[in-house]
PDB file of N, CA and C in Angstrom:
ATOM      1  N   MET A   1      90.726  18.426  30.590  1.00  0.00           N
ATOM      2  CA  MET A   1      91.129  18.327  31.988  1.00  0.00           C
ATOM      3  C   MET A   1      92.635  18.556  32.079  1.00  0.00           C
ATOM      4  N   ASP A   2      93.019  19.342  33.063  1.00  0.00           N
ATOM      5  CA  ASP A   2      94.454  19.519  33.257  1.00  0.00           C
ATOM      6  C   ASP A   2      94.969  18.429  34.197  1.00  0.00           C
ATOM      7  N   SER A   3      96.272  18.366  34.366  1.00  0.00           N
ATOM      8  CA  SER A   3      96.875  17.281  35.148  1.00  0.00           C
ATOM      9  C   SER A   3      96.434  17.303  36.614  1.00  0.00           C
ATOM     10  N   THR A   4      96.179  18.490  37.167  1.00  0.00           N
ATOM     11  CA  THR A   4      95.703  18.584  38.549  1.00  0.00           C
ATOM     12  C   THR A   4      94.329  17.938  38.684  1.00  0.00           C
ATOM     13  N   ASP A   5      93.439  18.244  37.728  1.00  0.00           N
ATOM     14  CA  ASP A   5      92.099  17.658  37.757  1.00  0.00           C
ATOM     15  C   ASP A   5      92.158  16.139  37.559  1.00  0.00           C
ATOM     16  N   ILE A   6      93.018  15.698  36.665  1.00  0.00           N
ATOM     17  CA  ILE A   6      93.154  14.251  36.426  1.00  0.00           C
ATOM     18  C   ILE A   6      93.625  13.554  37.698  1.00  0.00           C
ATOM     19  N   ASN A   7      94.600  14.132  38.386  1.00  0.00           N
ATOM     20  CA  ASN A   7      95.096  13.520  39.624  1.00  0.00           C
ATOM     21  C   ASN A   7      94.026  13.481  40.710  1.00  0.00           C
ATOM     22  N   LYS A   8      93.223  14.556  40.813  1.00  0.00           N
ATOM     23  CA  LYS A   8      92.125  14.568  41.790  1.00  0.00           C
ATOM     24  C   LYS A   8      91.099  13.493  41.447  1.00  0.00           C
ATOM     25  N   GLN A   9      90.765  13.403  40.172  1.00  0.00           N
ATOM     26  CA  GLN A   9      89.802  12.401  39.732  1.00  0.00           C
ATOM     27  C   GLN A   9      90.355  10.989  39.959  1.00  0.00           C
ATOM     28  N   LEU A  10      91.637  10.806  39.689  1.00  0.00           N
ATOM     29  CA  LEU A  10      92.272   9.505  39.898  1.00  0.00           C
ATOM     30  C   LEU A  10      92.241   9.118  41.371  1.00  0.00           C
ATOM     31  N   ASP A  11      92.497  10.067  42.261  1.00  0.00           N
ATOM     32  CA  ASP A  11      92.419   9.797  43.707  1.00  0.00           C
ATOM     33  C   ASP A  11      91.009   9.357  44.108  1.00  0.00           C
ATOM     34  N   LYS A  12      90.014  10.066  43.608  1.00  0.00           N
ATOM     35  CA  LYS A  12      88.621   9.699  43.919  1.00  0.00           C
ATOM     36  C   LYS A  12      88.292   8.310  43.386  1.00  0.00           C
ATOM     37  N   LEU A  13      88.744   8.033  42.170  1.00  0.00           N
ATOM     38  CA  LEU A  13      88.451   6.739  41.554  1.00  0.00           C
ATOM     39  C   LEU A  13      89.153   5.606  42.296  1.00  0.00           C
ATOM     40  N   GLN A  14      90.345   5.852  42.785  1.00  0.00           N
ATOM     41  CA  GLN A  14      91.064   4.831  43.552  1.00  0.00           C
ATOM     42  C   GLN A  14      90.366   4.513  44.867  1.00  0.00           C
ATOM     43  N   ARG A  15      89.642   5.484  45.414  1.00  0.00           N
ATOM     44  CA  ARG A  15      88.860   5.218  46.632  1.00  0.00           C
ATOM     45  C   ARG A  15      87.621   4.370  46.329  1.00  0.00           C
ATOM     46  N   ARG A  16      87.115   4.478  45.109  1.00  0.00           N
ATOM     47  CA  ARG A  16      85.915   3.710  44.716  1.00  0.00           C
ATOM     48  C   ARG A  16      86.265   2.323  44.181  1.00  0.00           C
ATOM     49  N   ILE A  17      87.368   2.238  43.439  1.00  0.00           N
ATOM     50  CA  ILE A  17      87.806   0.960  42.863  1.00  0.00           C
ATOM     51  C   ILE A  17      89.137   0.628  43.531  1.00  0.00           C
ATOM     52  N   LYS A  18      89.100  -0.233  44.497  1.00  0.00           N
ATOM     53  CA  LYS A  18      90.284  -0.562  45.285  1.00  0.00           C
ATOM     54  C   LYS A  18      91.249  -1.456  44.496  1.00  0.00           C
ATOM     55  N   TYR A  19      92.525  -1.268  44.770  1.00  0.00           N
ATOM     56  CA  TYR A  19      93.556  -2.106  44.167  1.00  0.00           C
ATOM     57  C   TYR A  19      93.415  -3.523  44.711  1.00  0.00           C
ATOM     58  N   ASN A  20      93.433  -4.495  43.821  1.00  0.00           N
ATOM     59  CA  ASN A  20      93.320  -5.903  44.197  1.00  0.00           C
ATOM     60  C   ASN A  20      94.461  -6.648  43.517  1.00  0.00           C
ATOM     61  N   SER A  21      95.374  -7.172  44.312  1.00  0.00           N
ATOM     62  CA  SER A  21      96.545  -7.853  43.750  1.00  0.00           C
ATOM     63  C   SER A  21      96.173  -9.143  43.025  1.00  0.00           C
ATOM     64  N   ASP A  22      94.989  -9.686  43.283  1.00  0.00           N
ATOM     65  CA  ASP A  22      94.538 -10.883  42.554  1.00  0.00           C
ATOM     66  C   ASP A  22      94.168 -10.546  41.109  1.00  0.00           C
ATOM     67  N   ILE A  23      93.752  -9.299  40.889  1.00  0.00           N
ATOM     68  CA  ILE A  23      93.360  -8.862  39.542  1.00  0.00           C
ATOM     69  C   ILE A  23      94.538  -8.212  38.829  1.00  0.00           C
ATOM     70  N   TRP A  24      95.243  -7.346  39.552  1.00  0.00           N
ATOM     71  CA  TRP A  24      96.340  -6.568  38.958  1.00  0.00           C
ATOM     72  C   TRP A  24      97.663  -7.098  39.460  1.00  0.00           C
ATOM     73  N   GLU A  25      98.481  -7.548  38.534  1.00  0.00           N
ATOM     74  CA  GLU A  25      99.796  -8.064  38.905  1.00  0.00           C
ATOM     75  C   GLU A  25     100.685  -6.953  39.465  1.00  0.00           C
ATOM     76  N   LYS A  26     100.592  -5.770  38.833  1.00  0.00           N
ATOM     77  CA  LYS A  26     101.435  -4.647  39.241  1.00  0.00           C
ATOM     78  C   LYS A  26     100.572  -3.409  39.464  1.00  0.00           C
ATOM     79  N   LYS A  27     100.921  -2.625  40.462  1.00  0.00           N
ATOM     80  CA  LYS A  27     100.174  -1.394  40.759  1.00  0.00           C
ATOM     81  C   LYS A  27     100.173  -0.413  39.585  1.00  0.00           C
ATOM     82  N   PRO A  28     101.282  -0.242  38.847  1.00  0.00           N
ATOM     83  CA  PRO A  28     101.246   0.671  37.697  1.00  0.00           C
ATOM     84  C   PRO A  28     100.216   0.261  36.628  1.00  0.00           C
ATOM     85  N   ASP A  29      99.960  -1.044  36.484  1.00  0.00           N
ATOM     86  CA  ASP A  29      98.931  -1.496  35.539  1.00  0.00           C
ATOM     87  C   ASP A  29      97.543  -1.063  36.001  1.00  0.00           C
ATOM     88  N   TYR A  30      97.310  -1.150  37.299  1.00  0.00           N
ATOM     89  CA  TYR A  30      96.051  -0.700  37.902  1.00  0.00           C
ATOM     90  C   TYR A  30      95.863   0.801  37.686  1.00  0.00           C
ATOM     91  N   ASP A  31      96.914   1.583  37.960  1.00  0.00           N
ATOM     92  CA  ASP A  31      96.841   3.038  37.770  1.00  0.00           C
ATOM     93  C   ASP A  31      96.580   3.393  36.306  1.00  0.00           C
ATOM     94  N   ALA A  32      97.251   2.704  35.391  1.00  0.00           N
ATOM     95  CA  ALA A  32      97.061   2.967  33.955  1.00  0.00           C
ATOM     96  C   ALA A  32      95.639   2.629  33.525  1.00  0.00           C
ATOM     97  N   ALA A  33      95.090   1.547  34.056  1.00  0.00           N
ATOM     98  CA  ALA A  33      93.716   1.162  33.712  1.00  0.00           C
ATOM     99  C   ALA A  33      92.722   2.200  34.207  1.00  0.00           C
ATOM    100  N   LEU A  34      92.945   2.733  35.404  1.00  0.00           N
ATOM    101  CA  LEU A  34      92.045   3.758  35.931  1.00  0.00           C
ATOM    102  C   LEU A  34      92.152   5.047  35.121  1.00  0.00           C
ATOM    103  N   LYS A  35      93.353   5.405  34.696  1.00  0.00           N
ATOM    104  CA  LYS A  35      93.512   6.584  33.839  1.00  0.00           C
ATOM    105  C   LYS A  35      92.799   6.385  32.509  1.00  0.00           C
ATOM    106  N   ASP A  36      92.870   5.168  31.972  1.00  0.00           N
ATOM    107  CA  ASP A  36      92.145   4.856  30.732  1.00  0.00           C
ATOM    108  C   ASP A  36      90.643   4.994  30.933  1.00  0.00           C
ATOM    109  N   LEU A  37      90.152   4.534  32.082  1.00  0.00           N
ATOM    110  CA  LEU A  37      88.726   4.674  32.386  1.00  0.00           C
ATOM    111  C   LEU A  37      88.329   6.148  32.464  1.00  0.00           C
ATOM    112  N   LEU A  38      89.162   6.960  33.080  1.00  0.00           N
ATOM    113  CA  LEU A  38      88.870   8.395  33.160  1.00  0.00           C
ATOM    114  C   LEU A  38      88.821   9.016  31.767  1.00  0.00           C
ATOM    115  N   GLU A  39      89.752   8.645  30.923  1.00  0.00           N
ATOM    116  CA  GLU A  39      89.765   9.185  29.567  1.00  0.00           C
ATOM    117  C   GLU A  39      88.540   8.705  28.777  1.00  0.00           C
ATOM    118  N   ASP A  40      88.244   7.405  28.862  1.00  0.00           N
ATOM    119  CA  ASP A  40      87.077   6.876  28.146  1.00  0.00           C
ATOM    120  C   ASP A  40      85.794   7.538  28.605  1.00  0.00           C
ATOM    121  N   SER A  41      85.629   7.694  29.916  1.00  0.00           N
ATOM    122  CA  SER A  41      84.403   8.297  30.441  1.00  0.00           C
ATOM    123  C   SER A  41      84.287   9.759  30.016  1.00  0.00           C
ATOM    124  N   MET A  42      85.415  10.453  29.926  1.00  0.00           N
ATOM    125  CA  MET A  42      85.388  11.839  29.475  1.00  0.00           C
ATOM    126  C   MET A  42      84.886  11.908  28.036  1.00  0.00           C
ATOM    127  N   TYR A  43      85.401  11.029  27.180  1.00  0.00           N
ATOM    128  CA  TYR A  43      84.976  11.045  25.777  1.00  0.00           C
ATOM    129  C   TYR A  43      83.527  10.587  25.610  1.00  0.00           C
ATOM    130  N   ILE A  44      83.079   9.653  26.445  1.00  0.00           N
ATOM    131  CA  ILE A  44      81.673   9.248  26.411  1.00  0.00           C
ATOM    132  C   ILE A  44      80.799  10.447  26.783  1.00  0.00           C
ATOM    133  N   GLY A  45      81.182  11.137  27.863  1.00  0.00           N
ATOM    134  CA  GLY A  45      80.419  12.313  28.299  1.00  0.00           C
ATOM    135  C   GLY A  45      80.395  13.408  27.244  1.00  0.00           C
ATOM    136  N   LEU A  46      81.538  13.695  26.641  1.00  0.00           N
ATOM    137  CA  LEU A  46      81.591  14.730  25.611  1.00  0.00           C
ATOM    138  C   LEU A  46      80.777  14.349  24.381  1.00  0.00           C
ATOM    139  N   SER A  47      80.785  13.073  24.031  1.00  0.00           N
ATOM    140  CA  SER A  47      80.006  12.651  22.856  1.00  0.00           C
ATOM    141  C   SER A  47      78.508  12.753  23.109  1.00  0.00           C
ATOM    142  N   ILE A  48      78.106  12.617  24.370  1.00  0.00           N
ATOM    143  CA  ILE A  48      76.688  12.790  24.715  1.00  0.00           C
ATOM    144  C   ILE A  48      76.343  14.281  24.757  1.00  0.00           C
ATOM    145  N   LEU A  49      77.220  15.077  25.354  1.00  0.00           N
ATOM    146  CA  LEU A  49      76.958  16.505  25.476  1.00  0.00           C
ATOM    147  C   LEU A  49      76.966  17.227  24.131  1.00  0.00           C
ATOM    148  N   TYR A  50      77.830  16.798  23.236  1.00  0.00           N
ATOM    149  CA  TYR A  50      77.987  17.462  21.936  1.00  0.00           C
ATOM    150  C   TYR A  50      77.816  16.455  20.797  1.00  0.00           C
ATOM    151  N   PRO A  51      76.602  15.940  20.615  1.00  0.00           N
ATOM    152  CA  PRO A  51      76.405  14.872  19.631  1.00  0.00           C
ATOM    153  C   PRO A  51      76.604  15.310  18.179  1.00  0.00           C
ATOM    154  N   PHE A  52      76.465  16.585  17.894  1.00  0.00           N
ATOM    155  CA  PHE A  52      76.542  17.040  16.511  1.00  0.00           C
ATOM    156  C   PHE A  52      77.745  17.943  16.267  1.00  0.00           C
ATOM    157  N   GLU A  53      78.673  17.954  17.178  1.00  0.00           N
ATOM    158  CA  GLU A  53      79.840  18.821  17.055  1.00  0.00           C
ATOM    159  C   GLU A  53      81.114  18.005  17.201  1.00  0.00           C
ATOM    160  N   ASP A  54      82.197  18.560  16.695  1.00  0.00           N
ATOM    161  CA  ASP A  54      83.517  18.002  16.942  1.00  0.00           C
ATOM    162  C   ASP A  54      83.916  18.448  18.343  1.00  0.00           C
ATOM    163  N   PHE A  55      84.010  17.509  19.272  1.00  0.00           N
ATOM    164  CA  PHE A  55      84.289  17.859  20.661  1.00  0.00           C
ATOM    165  C   PHE A  55      85.763  17.665  21.015  1.00  0.00           C
ATOM    166  N   SER A  56      86.595  17.416  20.038  1.00  0.00           N
ATOM    167  CA  SER A  56      88.001  17.124  20.320  1.00  0.00           C
ATOM    168  C   SER A  56      88.725  18.287  21.013  1.00  0.00           C
ATOM    169  N   GLU A  57      88.275  19.500  20.802  1.00  0.00           N
ATOM    170  CA  GLU A  57      88.906  20.666  21.424  1.00  0.00           C
ATOM    171  C   GLU A  57      88.168  21.149  22.674  1.00  0.00           C
ATOM    172  N   LYS A  58      87.067  20.495  23.014  1.00  0.00           N
ATOM    173  CA  LYS A  58      86.259  20.934  24.160  1.00  0.00           C
ATOM    174  C   LYS A  58      86.814  20.347  25.452  1.00  0.00           C
ATOM    175  N   LYS A  59      86.636  21.094  26.533  1.00  0.00           N
ATOM    176  CA  LYS A  59      87.021  20.606  27.852  1.00  0.00           C
ATOM    177  C   LYS A  59      85.815  19.960  28.519  1.00  0.00           C
ATOM    178  N   PHE A  60      86.086  18.931  29.284  1.00  0.00           N
ATOM    179  CA  PHE A  60      85.016  18.269  30.020  1.00  0.00           C
ATOM    180  C   PHE A  60      84.608  19.171  31.177  1.00  0.00           C
ATOM    181  N   PRO A  61      83.330  19.563  31.253  1.00  0.00           N
ATOM    182  CA  PRO A  61      82.882  20.498  32.302  1.00  0.00           C
ATOM    183  C   PRO A  61      83.070  19.941  33.713  1.00  0.00           C
ATOM    184  N   LYS A  62      83.589  20.761  34.611  1.00  0.00           N
ATOM    185  CA  LYS A  62      83.838  20.331  35.990  1.00  0.00           C
ATOM    186  C   LYS A  62      82.569  19.875  36.701  1.00  0.00           C
ATOM    187  N   LYS A  63      81.439  20.440  36.305  1.00  0.00           N
ATOM    188  CA  LYS A  63      80.197  20.063  36.991  1.00  0.00           C
ATOM    189  C   LYS A  63      79.834  18.597  36.751  1.00  0.00           C
ATOM    190  N   TYR A  64      80.483  17.961  35.792  1.00  0.00           N
ATOM    191  CA  TYR A  64      80.221  16.548  35.508  1.00  0.00           C
ATOM    192  C   TYR A  64      81.313  15.627  36.032  1.00  0.00           C
ATOM    193  N   TYR A  65      82.205  16.113  36.869  1.00  0.00           N
ATOM    194  CA  TYR A  65      83.277  15.266  37.389  1.00  0.00           C
ATOM    195  C   TYR A  65      82.730  14.114  38.230  1.00  0.00           C
ATOM    196  N   ASN A  66      81.699  14.379  39.019  1.00  0.00           N
ATOM    197  CA  ASN A  66      81.094  13.293  39.791  1.00  0.00           C
ATOM    198  C   ASN A  66      80.478  12.264  38.854  1.00  0.00           C
ATOM    199  N   TRP A  67      79.841  12.717  37.792  1.00  0.00           N
ATOM    200  CA  TRP A  67      79.281  11.813  36.788  1.00  0.00           C
ATOM    201  C   TRP A  67      80.396  10.957  36.194  1.00  0.00           C
ATOM    202  N   GLN A  68      81.531  11.547  35.939  1.00  0.00           N
ATOM    203  CA  GLN A  68      82.656  10.832  35.343  1.00  0.00           C
ATOM    204  C   GLN A  68      83.125   9.686  36.250  1.00  0.00           C
ATOM    205  N   ILE A  69      83.210   9.946  37.537  1.00  0.00           N
ATOM    206  CA  ILE A  69      83.632   8.904  38.478  1.00  0.00           C
ATOM    207  C   ILE A  69      82.622   7.763  38.481  1.00  0.00           C
ATOM    208  N   ARG A  70      81.342   8.102  38.533  1.00  0.00           N
ATOM    209  CA  ARG A  70      80.311   7.062  38.528  1.00  0.00           C
ATOM    210  C   ARG A  70      80.312   6.292  37.214  1.00  0.00           C
ATOM    211  N   CYS A  71      80.607   6.978  36.115  1.00  0.00           N
ATOM    212  CA  CYS A  71      80.716   6.333  34.809  1.00  0.00           C
ATOM    213  C   CYS A  71      81.872   5.329  34.819  1.00  0.00           C
ATOM    214  N   CYS A  72      83.001   5.736  35.376  1.00  0.00           N
ATOM    215  CA  CYS A  72      84.162   4.839  35.464  1.00  0.00           C
ATOM    216  C   CYS A  72      83.838   3.585  36.283  1.00  0.00           C
ATOM    217  N   VAL A  73      83.152   3.769  37.391  1.00  0.00           N
ATOM    218  CA  VAL A  73      82.795   2.635  38.246  1.00  0.00           C
ATOM    219  C   VAL A  73      81.887   1.675  37.485  1.00  0.00           C
ATOM    220  N   GLU A  74      80.920   2.217  36.738  1.00  0.00           N
ATOM    221  CA  GLU A  74      80.045   1.352  35.940  1.00  0.00           C
ATOM    222  C   GLU A  74      80.824   0.627  34.853  1.00  0.00           C
ATOM    223  N   LEU A  75      81.688   1.334  34.161  1.00  0.00           N
ATOM    224  CA  LEU A  75      82.484   0.701  33.109  1.00  0.00           C
ATOM    225  C   LEU A  75      83.374  -0.396  33.685  1.00  0.00           C
ATOM    226  N   TYR A  76      83.967  -0.139  34.836  1.00  0.00           N
ATOM    227  CA  TYR A  76      84.833  -1.126  35.483  1.00  0.00           C
ATOM    228  C   TYR A  76      84.030  -2.359  35.897  1.00  0.00           C
ATOM    229  N   SER A  77      82.864  -2.128  36.458  1.00  0.00           N
ATOM    230  CA  SER A  77      82.051  -3.256  36.932  1.00  0.00           C
ATOM    231  C   SER A  77      81.487  -4.087  35.785  1.00  0.00           C
ATOM    232  N   LEU A  78      81.431  -3.510  34.598  1.00  0.00           N
ATOM    233  CA  LEU A  78      80.902  -4.225  33.442  1.00  0.00           C
ATOM    234  C   LEU A  78      81.974  -4.947  32.637  1.00  0.00           C
ATOM    235  N   ALA A  79      83.211  -4.850  33.059  1.00  0.00           N
ATOM    236  CA  ALA A  79      84.289  -5.518  32.321  1.00  0.00           C
ATOM    237  C   ALA A  79      83.984  -7.004  32.201  1.00  0.00           C
ATOM    238  N   GLY A  80      84.054  -7.506  30.978  1.00  0.00           N
ATOM    239  CA  GLY A  80      83.772  -8.920  30.717  1.00  0.00           C
ATOM    240  C   GLY A  80      82.332  -9.202  30.357  1.00  0.00           C
ATOM    241  N   ARG A  81      81.481  -8.194  30.395  1.00  0.00           N
ATOM    242  CA  ARG A  81      80.069  -8.395  30.050  1.00  0.00           C
ATOM    243  C   ARG A  81      79.705  -7.611  28.798  1.00  0.00           C
ATOM    244  N   GLU A  82      80.591  -7.624  27.818  1.00  0.00           N
ATOM    245  CA  GLU A  82      80.358  -6.876  26.590  1.00  0.00           C
ATOM    246  C   GLU A  82      79.120  -7.400  25.868  1.00  0.00           C
ATOM    247  N   ASN A  83      78.483  -6.513  25.148  1.00  0.00           N
ATOM    248  CA  ASN A  83      77.324  -6.829  24.308  1.00  0.00           C
ATOM    249  C   ASN A  83      76.101  -7.302  25.080  1.00  0.00           C
ATOM    250  N   LEU A  84      76.068  -7.082  26.376  1.00  0.00           N
ATOM    251  CA  LEU A  84      74.894  -7.418  27.175  1.00  0.00           C
ATOM    252  C   LEU A  84      73.903  -6.272  27.076  1.00  0.00           C
ATOM    253  N   ALA A  85      72.750  -6.543  26.504  1.00  0.00           N
ATOM    254  CA  ALA A  85      71.757  -5.486  26.328  1.00  0.00           C
ATOM    255  C   ALA A  85      70.711  -5.519  27.427  1.00  0.00           C
ATOM    256  N   SER A  86      70.400  -6.712  27.908  1.00  0.00           N
ATOM    257  CA  SER A  86      69.384  -6.833  28.937  1.00  0.00           C
ATOM    258  C   SER A  86      69.696  -8.065  29.779  1.00  0.00           C
ATOM    259  N   TYR A  87      69.424  -7.977  31.069  1.00  0.00           N
ATOM    260  CA  TYR A  87      69.718  -9.091  31.968  1.00  0.00           C
ATOM    261  C   TYR A  87      68.653  -9.133  33.051  1.00  0.00           C
ATOM    262  N   SER A  88      68.238 -10.341  33.410  1.00  0.00           N
ATOM    263  CA  SER A  88      67.244 -10.506  34.452  1.00  0.00           C
ATOM    264  C   SER A  88      67.553 -11.778  35.238  1.00  0.00           C
ATOM    265  N   GLU A  89      67.452 -11.660  36.555  1.00  0.00           N
ATOM    266  CA  GLU A  89      67.693 -12.820  37.403  1.00  0.00           C
ATOM    267  C   GLU A  89      66.974 -12.615  38.724  1.00  0.00           C
ATOM    268  N   ASN A  90      66.151 -13.578  39.106  1.00  0.00           N
ATOM    269  CA  ASN A  90      65.439 -13.533  40.383  1.00  0.00           C
ATOM    270  C   ASN A  90      64.699 -12.218  40.611  1.00  0.00           C
ATOM    271  N   GLY A  91      64.043 -11.730  39.593  1.00  0.00           N
ATOM    272  CA  GLY A  91      63.257 -10.515  39.710  1.00  0.00           C
ATOM    273  C   GLY A  91      64.055  -9.227  39.557  1.00  0.00           C
ATOM    274  N   LEU A  92      65.372  -9.321  39.486  1.00  0.00           N
ATOM    275  CA  LEU A  92      66.213  -8.149  39.284  1.00  0.00           C
ATOM    276  C   LEU A  92      66.559  -8.057  37.802  1.00  0.00           C
ATOM    277  N   ALA A  93      66.374  -6.886  37.219  1.00  0.00           N
ATOM    278  CA  ALA A  93      66.646  -6.722  35.790  1.00  0.00           C
ATOM    279  C   ALA A  93      67.323  -5.395  35.532  1.00  0.00           C
ATOM    280  N   TRP A  94      68.177  -5.371  34.534  1.00  0.00           N
ATOM    281  CA  TRP A  94      68.754  -4.115  34.083  1.00  0.00           C
ATOM    282  C   TRP A  94      69.018  -4.171  32.599  1.00  0.00           C
ATOM    283  N   THR A  95      69.031  -2.992  32.012  1.00  0.00           N
ATOM    284  CA  THR A  95      69.264  -2.837  30.578  1.00  0.00           C
ATOM    285  C   THR A  95      70.364  -1.813  30.393  1.00  0.00           C
ATOM    286  N   MET A  96      71.237  -2.081  29.428  1.00  0.00           N
ATOM    287  CA  MET A  96      72.332  -1.161  29.148  1.00  0.00           C
ATOM    288  C   MET A  96      72.302  -0.786  27.679  1.00  0.00           C
ATOM    289  N   PHE A  97      72.730   0.424  27.379  1.00  0.00           N
ATOM    290  CA  PHE A  97      72.897   0.836  25.998  1.00  0.00           C
ATOM    291  C   PHE A  97      74.175   0.232  25.445  1.00  0.00           C
ATOM    292  N   LYS A  98      74.448   0.484  24.197  1.00  0.00           N
ATOM    293  CA  LYS A  98      75.631  -0.062  23.544  1.00  0.00           C
ATOM    294  C   LYS A  98      76.917   0.320  24.263  1.00  0.00           C
ATOM    295  N   SER A  99      76.940   1.475  24.879  1.00  0.00           N
ATOM    296  CA  SER A  99      78.154   1.907  25.579  1.00  0.00           C
ATOM    297  C   SER A  99      78.377   1.087  26.843  1.00  0.00           C
ATOM    298  N   GLY A 100      77.367   0.355  27.296  1.00  0.00           N
ATOM    299  CA  GLY A 100      77.488  -0.439  28.499  1.00  0.00           C
ATOM    300  C   GLY A 100      77.071   0.297  29.751  1.00  0.00           C
ATOM    301  N   LEU A 101      76.623   1.523  29.599  1.00  0.00           N
ATOM    302  CA  LEU A 101      76.244   2.309  30.765  1.00  0.00           C
ATOM    303  C   LEU A 101      74.751   2.218  31.028  1.00  0.00           C
ATOM    304  N   SER A 102      74.385   2.429  32.268  1.00  0.00           N
ATOM    305  CA  SER A 102      72.973   2.377  32.636  1.00  0.00           C
ATOM    306  C   SER A 102      72.224   3.552  32.017  1.00  0.00           C
ATOM    307  N   VAL A 103      70.963   3.336  31.791  1.00  0.00           N
ATOM    308  CA  VAL A 103      70.100   4.370  31.226  1.00  0.00           C
ATOM    309  C   VAL A 103      70.051   5.576  32.162  1.00  0.00           C
ATOM    310  N   ASP A 104      69.968   5.328  33.462  1.00  0.00           N
ATOM    311  CA  ASP A 104      69.897   6.421  34.433  1.00  0.00           C
ATOM    312  C   ASP A 104      71.131   7.323  34.358  1.00  0.00           C
ATOM    313  N   LEU A 105      72.305   6.718  34.250  1.00  0.00           N
ATOM    314  CA  LEU A 105      73.526   7.514  34.180  1.00  0.00           C
ATOM    315  C   LEU A 105      73.579   8.320  32.888  1.00  0.00           C
ATOM    316  N   LEU A 106      73.238   7.704  31.785  1.00  0.00           N
ATOM    317  CA  LEU A 106      73.265   8.413  30.501  1.00  0.00           C
ATOM    318  C   LEU A 106      72.255   9.554  30.461  1.00  0.00           C
ATOM    319  N   ASN A 107      71.120   9.370  31.104  1.00  0.00           N
ATOM    320  CA  ASN A 107      70.084  10.408  31.092  1.00  0.00           C
ATOM    321  C   ASN A 107      70.447  11.635  31.930  1.00  0.00           C
ATOM    322  N   GLU A 108      71.487  11.541  32.726  1.00  0.00           N
ATOM    323  CA  GLU A 108      71.904  12.693  33.526  1.00  0.00           C
ATOM    324  C   GLU A 108      72.560  13.778  32.676  1.00  0.00           C
ATOM    325  N   LEU A 109      73.037  13.413  31.497  1.00  0.00           N
ATOM    326  CA  LEU A 109      73.669  14.383  30.602  1.00  0.00           C
ATOM    327  C   LEU A 109      72.679  14.801  29.535  1.00  0.00           C
ATOM    328  N   THR A 110      72.525  16.084  29.366  1.00  0.00           N
ATOM    329  CA  THR A 110      71.613  16.603  28.357  1.00  0.00           C
ATOM    330  C   THR A 110      72.423  17.070  27.157  1.00  0.00           C
ATOM    331  N   PRO A 111      72.154  16.479  26.001  1.00  0.00           N
ATOM    332  CA  PRO A 111      72.893  16.910  24.805  1.00  0.00           C
ATOM    333  C   PRO A 111      72.638  18.374  24.501  1.00  0.00           C
ATOM    334  N   ARG A 112      73.673  19.027  24.077  1.00  0.00           N
ATOM    335  CA  ARG A 112      73.567  20.435  23.690  1.00  0.00           C
ATOM    336  C   ARG A 112      73.442  20.479  22.179  1.00  0.00           C
ATOM    337  N   VAL A 113      72.384  21.086  21.734  1.00  0.00           N
ATOM    338  CA  VAL A 113      72.179  21.202  20.291  1.00  0.00           C
ATOM    339  C   VAL A 113      72.197  22.670  19.922  1.00  0.00           C
ATOM    340  N   GLY A 114      72.641  22.932  18.736  1.00  0.00           N
ATOM    341  CA  GLY A 114      72.698  24.313  18.273  1.00  0.00           C
ATOM    342  C   GLY A 114      71.338  24.793  17.817  1.00  0.00           C
ATOM    343  N   VAL A 115      71.214  26.076  17.742  1.00  0.00           N
ATOM    344  CA  VAL A 115      70.000  26.704  17.257  1.00  0.00           C
ATOM    345  C   VAL A 115      70.299  27.229  15.864  1.00  0.00           C
ATOM    346  N   PRO A 116      69.423  26.966  14.906  1.00  0.00           N
ATOM    347  CA  PRO A 116      69.683  27.493  13.561  1.00  0.00           C
ATOM    348  C   PRO A 116      69.852  29.003  13.609  1.00  0.00           C
ATOM    349  N   LYS A 117      70.841  29.474  12.903  1.00  0.00           N
ATOM    350  CA  LYS A 117      71.096  30.908  12.884  1.00  0.00           C
ATOM    351  C   LYS A 117      70.143  31.590  11.924  1.00  0.00           C
ATOM    352  N   ARG A 118      69.708  32.766  12.333  1.00  0.00           N
ATOM    353  CA  ARG A 118      68.796  33.545  11.510  1.00  0.00           C
ATOM    354  C   ARG A 118      69.574  34.204  10.385  1.00  0.00           C
ATOM    355  N   ILE A 119      69.053  34.127   9.208  1.00  0.00           N
ATOM    356  CA  ILE A 119      69.690  34.760   8.062  1.00  0.00           C
ATOM    357  C   ILE A 119      69.286  36.221   8.048  1.00  0.00           C
ATOM    358  N   SER A 120      70.283  37.094   7.962  1.00  0.00           N
ATOM    359  CA  SER A 120      69.965  38.520   7.929  1.00  0.00           C
ATOM    360  C   SER A 120      69.348  38.863   6.577  1.00  0.00           C
ATOM    361  N   GLU A 121      68.655  39.978   6.535  1.00  0.00           N
ATOM    362  CA  GLU A 121      67.977  40.387   5.302  1.00  0.00           C
ATOM    363  C   GLU A 121      68.959  40.553   4.159  1.00  0.00           C
ATOM    364  N   SER A 122      70.136  41.096   4.413  1.00  0.00           N
ATOM    365  CA  SER A 122      71.113  41.300   3.339  1.00  0.00           C
ATOM    366  C   SER A 122      71.594  39.955   2.780  1.00  0.00           C
ATOM    367  N   GLU A 123      71.732  38.947   3.656  1.00  0.00           N
ATOM    368  CA  GLU A 123      72.157  37.629   3.194  1.00  0.00           C
ATOM    369  C   GLU A 123      71.038  36.941   2.428  1.00  0.00           C
ATOM    370  N   SER A 124      69.789  37.128   2.869  1.00  0.00           N
ATOM    371  CA  SER A 124      68.672  36.470   2.216  1.00  0.00           C
ATOM    372  C   SER A 124      68.459  37.039   0.799  1.00  0.00           C
ATOM    373  N   ASP A 125      68.779  38.320   0.601  1.00  0.00           N
ATOM    374  CA  ASP A 125      68.642  38.905  -0.728  1.00  0.00           C
ATOM    375  C   ASP A 125      69.630  38.291  -1.716  1.00  0.00           C
ATOM    376  N   THR A 126      70.813  37.941  -1.226  1.00  0.00           N
ATOM    377  CA  THR A 126      71.831  37.367  -2.120  1.00  0.00           C
ATOM    378  C   THR A 126      71.594  35.888  -2.369  1.00  0.00           C
ATOM    379  N   ASN A 127      70.814  35.236  -1.496  1.00  0.00           N
ATOM    380  CA  ASN A 127      70.553  33.801  -1.648  1.00  0.00           C
ATOM    381  C   ASN A 127      69.323  33.517  -2.500  1.00  0.00           C
ATOM    382  N   VAL A 128      68.645  34.529  -2.985  1.00  0.00           N
ATOM    383  CA  VAL A 128      67.413  34.329  -3.755  1.00  0.00           C
ATOM    384  C   VAL A 128      67.699  33.856  -5.141  1.00  0.00           C
TER     385      VAL A 128
END
């Protein structure tokens, strides 16, 4: 993501997660936390999209920017509930994976897997 995209995403996230002076002593701390959420959600998304590849050089696809915002909101709302795998109360239940995200959100990303490359006849002759 370039700085323009990060700023757009940060603006959207600030509309979803409002600044609360009871939680954040200083506004710059709030902004830094939201930027951290954007970065974490990007790496979570890339690790799902490219489970068998080094994704450190890959760009986060723009088509998943909305997913990223929703991921940030879920991560923010789960703060303080680490290691919760399943919860039920008054007939309401939810389950989270180790990342803390809902199954529905994680299922929106389809991992990309490679296809085995075909060995050409000339290569197969040398591998015999």
